[in-house]
Amino acid sequence: MFDLKKVKFMTYLAIVSILGFGAILVDSVSGVDISGYVNSLLFIIIGIALVIAGGFTLFFSYFKNGLTTREINKIVTIVVGSASVVTGVLIAPFFDFNIVVIEGFKAIISLIAILTIAVEAFGRD
């Protein structure tokens, strides 16, 4: 059977891939650099996907009966996803925050996204 959260997450990852390809295409065909906007959208979309994968609607119910390893993983996923959305907003060209912490967080989110893609694509059935 299909896991609905997994299908939604893979849909978000497909959107990210299409946005990246579109940015490369626009840059190579027209010479217009939209990478700042695309990078911002990528982090916002990845963040939303992580928040959904973590089960944001059940966030407060995780604390009721004590925390298990699975619930801690979901909470960390929600926190990282939320931070990714904030980072996406802050790196948008109209805000243009360029500080070292955001650059480091962009690298961490990128690694998490790559690892998640690998696990979702090859790690499970």
Foldseek 3Di string as FASTA:
>chain_A
DDDPLLVVLVVLVVVLVVLVVVQVVCCVPPVDHPPLLSLLVNLLSLLVSLLVSLPVVCLVVCPPPDHDPSNVVSNVSNVLSVVSNVLSVCSRPVNNDDDPVSVVSSVVSVVVVVVVVCCSVPVDD
